[in-house]
Protein backbone atom coordinates (compact mmCIF):
# COMPACT_ATOMS: atom_id res chain seq x y z
CA MET A 1 -15.64 82.48 16.66
CA SER A 2 -15.43 84.03 20.29
CA VAL A 3 -15.67 80.60 23.20
CA ASN A 4 -16.92 80.82 26.88
CA SER A 5 -14.46 78.98 28.85
CA SER A 6 -15.44 75.47 29.30
CA VAL A 7 -15.45 74.65 26.00
CA GLY A 8 -12.18 77.17 25.86
CA THR A 9 -10.24 73.76 27.61
CA THR A 10 -11.74 71.77 23.97
CA LYS A 11 -10.53 74.50 21.71
CA ARG A 12 -7.21 74.52 23.37
CA TRP A 13 -6.95 70.40 22.86
CA GLY A 14 -8.00 71.31 19.68
CA ARG A 15 -5.06 73.70 18.63
CA ALA A 16 -2.59 71.35 20.07
CA LEU A 17 -3.53 68.49 18.47
CA GLY A 18 -4.33 70.18 15.41
CA ALA A 19 -6.79 71.64 13.46
CA VAL A 20 -8.57 69.53 10.20
CA GLY A 21 -11.03 70.61 7.25
CA ALA A 22 -12.05 71.18 3.85
CA VAL A 23 -14.73 73.28 3.41
CA LEU A 24 -15.58 74.01 6.61
CA LEU A 25 -12.98 76.02 7.03
CA LEU A 26 -11.04 73.63 9.28
CA GLY A 27 -7.24 73.40 8.74
CA SER A 28 -5.48 71.34 6.47
CA ALA A 29 -4.28 68.42 8.42
CA ALA A 30 -5.25 66.40 12.23
CA VAL A 31 -3.23 64.71 14.47
CA GLY A 32 -4.67 63.25 17.35
CA CYS A 33 -8.80 63.58 18.29
CA GLY A 34 -9.03 67.19 18.37
CA VAL A 35 -10.46 68.07 14.63
CA GLY A 36 -12.47 71.41 14.95
CA ARG A 37 -12.31 74.69 16.02
CA GLY A 38 -14.84 74.02 18.92
CA ALA A 39 -18.62 75.05 19.70
CA PRO A 40 -19.16 79.16 19.81
CA ASP A 41 -20.73 80.46 22.66
CA GLY A 42 -23.79 79.01 24.84
CA TRP A 43 -23.94 75.90 22.49
CA THR A 44 -24.13 72.42 23.92
CA TYR A 45 -22.34 69.55 23.02
CA VAL A 46 -23.67 65.92 22.02
CA ASN A 47 -21.86 62.33 22.60
CA ALA A 48 -22.71 60.14 20.23
CA GLN A 49 -20.36 57.00 20.89
CA GLY A 50 -16.69 58.23 20.14
CA ILE A 51 -17.51 61.39 18.12
CA ALA A 52 -19.88 64.68 19.39
CA PHE A 53 -20.50 67.79 18.29
CA ALA A 54 -22.58 71.04 19.20
CA VAL A 55 -25.65 72.43 18.22
CA PRO A 56 -27.06 76.21 19.71
CA LYS A 57 -29.28 76.03 23.08
CA ASP A 58 -32.54 76.23 20.83
CA TRP A 59 -31.53 72.53 19.32
CA LYS A 60 -32.95 70.01 21.41
CA ALA A 61 -30.62 66.34 21.38
CA LEU A 62 -33.20 63.32 21.31
CA PRO A 63 -32.98 61.10 23.76
CA ALA A 64 -31.63 57.57 23.29
CA ASN A 65 -35.47 55.62 23.20
CA ALA A 66 -36.32 58.46 20.45
CA LEU A 67 -33.37 57.34 17.94
CA PRO A 68 -34.71 55.55 14.90
CA ASN A 69 -32.08 52.07 13.74
CA GLY A 70 -28.65 53.29 13.19
CA VAL A 71 -28.72 56.55 14.60
CA LEU A 72 -26.34 56.92 16.84
CA ALA A 73 -27.30 60.58 17.57
CA SER A 74 -29.96 63.80 16.90
CA ALA A 75 -30.20 67.14 18.16
CA VAL A 76 -33.55 68.50 16.53
CA TRP A 77 -34.37 72.29 15.69
CA LYS A 78 -37.88 73.54 15.85
CA GLN A 79 -39.77 76.54 15.05
CA ASP A 80 -43.57 76.27 15.34
CA GLY A 81 -43.37 72.89 16.29
CA GLU A 82 -41.84 72.42 13.12
CA PRO A 83 -38.66 70.23 12.68
CA VAL A 84 -36.63 73.28 10.45
CA GLY A 85 -32.71 71.93 11.22
CA GLU A 86 -31.46 68.78 11.99
CA VAL A 87 -28.21 66.48 13.25
CA GLN A 88 -27.85 62.93 12.78
CA VAL A 89 -24.66 60.62 13.82
CA LEU A 90 -25.49 57.51 11.54
CA SER A 91 -23.36 54.48 12.30
CA GLY A 92 -21.71 53.28 9.14
CA ALA A 93 -20.71 55.72 6.01
CA LYS A 94 -23.71 54.96 3.99
CA GLN A 95 -23.52 58.29 1.52
CA GLU A 96 -27.92 57.72 1.06
CA ARG A 97 -28.39 60.61 -1.31
CA PRO A 98 -31.26 61.56 -3.51
CA LYS A 99 -31.18 60.42 -7.34
CA GLY A 100 -30.13 63.09 -9.69
CA VAL A 101 -28.79 65.59 -7.18
CA LYS A 102 -25.88 67.37 -7.70
CA VAL A 103 -23.55 66.91 -4.75
CA LYS A 104 -20.24 69.25 -3.86
CA ASN A 105 -17.45 67.27 -2.37
CA SER A 106 -14.74 69.00 -0.02
CA ALA A 107 -11.18 69.32 -0.69
CA ASP A 108 -9.31 66.00 1.11
CA PHE A 109 -8.83 66.42 5.23
CA LYS A 110 -8.50 64.62 7.90
CA LEU A 111 -10.63 63.89 11.76
CA GLY A 112 -8.96 63.10 14.67
CA GLY A 113 -5.74 61.80 12.20
CA LYS A 114 -7.97 59.99 9.58
CA PRO A 115 -9.40 60.69 6.14
CA ALA A 116 -12.69 62.31 6.04
CA ALA A 117 -14.74 63.63 3.40
CA GLN A 118 -17.59 66.12 2.85
CA VAL A 119 -20.57 66.22 0.65
CA SER A 120 -22.92 69.45 0.10
CA TYR A 121 -25.85 69.25 -1.69
CA ILE A 122 -29.35 70.76 -1.88
CA TYR A 123 -32.40 68.70 -3.22
CA ARG A 124 -36.28 68.96 -2.93
CA PRO A 125 -37.93 66.05 -1.47
CA SER A 126 -41.00 66.47 -3.28
CA LEU A 127 -43.15 68.85 -4.95
CA ASP A 128 -44.63 70.44 -2.23
CA SER A 129 -41.66 70.36 0.61
CA PRO A 130 -39.31 72.93 0.73
CA ARG A 131 -36.16 72.84 -0.32
CA LEU A 132 -33.53 70.80 2.70
CA ARG A 133 -29.68 71.69 2.31
CA VAL A 134 -27.43 68.65 3.75
CA LEU A 135 -24.13 68.79 5.24
CA ASP A 136 -22.47 65.11 4.95
CA ILE A 137 -19.42 64.71 6.85
CA THR A 138 -18.03 61.11 6.33
CA ALA A 139 -15.62 60.11 9.46
CA ARG A 140 -14.03 57.70 11.81
CA ASN A 141 -15.45 57.80 15.51
CA ALA A 142 -12.48 57.53 18.23
CA GLN A 143 -13.33 53.41 18.39
CA GLY A 144 -12.24 53.77 14.43
CA LYS A 145 -16.16 52.68 13.20
CA PRO A 146 -17.28 54.94 10.28
CA VAL A 147 -19.90 57.37 10.94
CA GLN A 148 -21.92 59.74 8.87
CA VAL A 149 -22.52 63.09 10.44
CA ARG A 150 -25.46 64.29 8.43
CA ILE A 151 -26.37 68.26 8.73
CA SER A 152 -29.68 68.95 7.15
CA GLY A 153 -32.77 71.66 7.16
CA THR A 154 -34.74 73.65 5.57
CA THR A 155 -32.97 76.22 3.33
CA SER A 156 -35.47 78.76 4.09
CA ASP A 157 -34.69 78.63 8.06
CA LEU A 158 -30.81 76.74 8.73
CA THR A 159 -28.27 79.21 7.08
CA LEU A 160 -24.95 77.66 5.29
CA ASP A 161 -22.91 79.67 8.56
CA THR A 162 -25.11 77.96 11.40
CA MET A 163 -24.19 74.38 9.51
CA ASN A 164 -20.67 75.14 9.23
CA ARG A 165 -20.43 75.88 13.10
CA ILE A 166 -22.21 72.74 13.61
CA ALA A 167 -19.10 71.12 11.26
CA ASN A 168 -16.25 72.77 12.92
CA SER A 169 -17.53 71.63 16.20
CA ILE A 170 -17.09 67.83 15.84
CA GLN A 171 -14.81 66.00 17.81
CA ILE A 172 -13.66 62.66 17.99
CA GLY A 173 -13.77 61.54 21.22
CA THR A 174 -16.63 62.02 23.99
CA ILE A 175 -17.11 65.46 25.26
CA GLY A 176 -17.05 64.72 29.26
CA LYS A 177 -17.52 67.18 32.22
CA GLY A 178 -16.07 70.78 31.79
CA ASN A 179 -16.38 69.93 28.18
CA LEU A 180 -13.24 68.43 28.29
CA LEU A 181 -11.62 65.92 25.01
CA LYS A 182 -11.71 61.92 25.78
CA ALA A 183 -10.48 59.62 23.28
């Protein structure tokens, strides 16, 4: 995965502090604030009150006044004006899942030095809707508060590879100028 120079600083911090992981292709243990491998070239970071994630440039971060209650940050990917992918940082570890869905749990891992969990599943919200792929990462932000990063999208449009890259970009802390990580 290539990294541009501004994201390179974050990547170096992530390497220096330890990578983390599970099914997301992250490492096995972490210390400090950096967690993922950082964002691929051209991706944009979105801050969400002590946790940050990156999305491809064609995704749009929602303004704070457009966020539903309990959502700290969100970015959406649209095709032909219809949302086909979304990342949300939810306050608290809600773990709301559809009933009867088979969940795949990840191996134990840490984000920012704290225990974290990941689950993935695919479901169809209604008979006439497309199947949705969901990746939920439960972690703690820089202030130690529980958060859930939910990456979701239609299975025909949002690839598992893109979802994993978004998950690998998660950083505990805030991304500032020059993509420097601040705890």
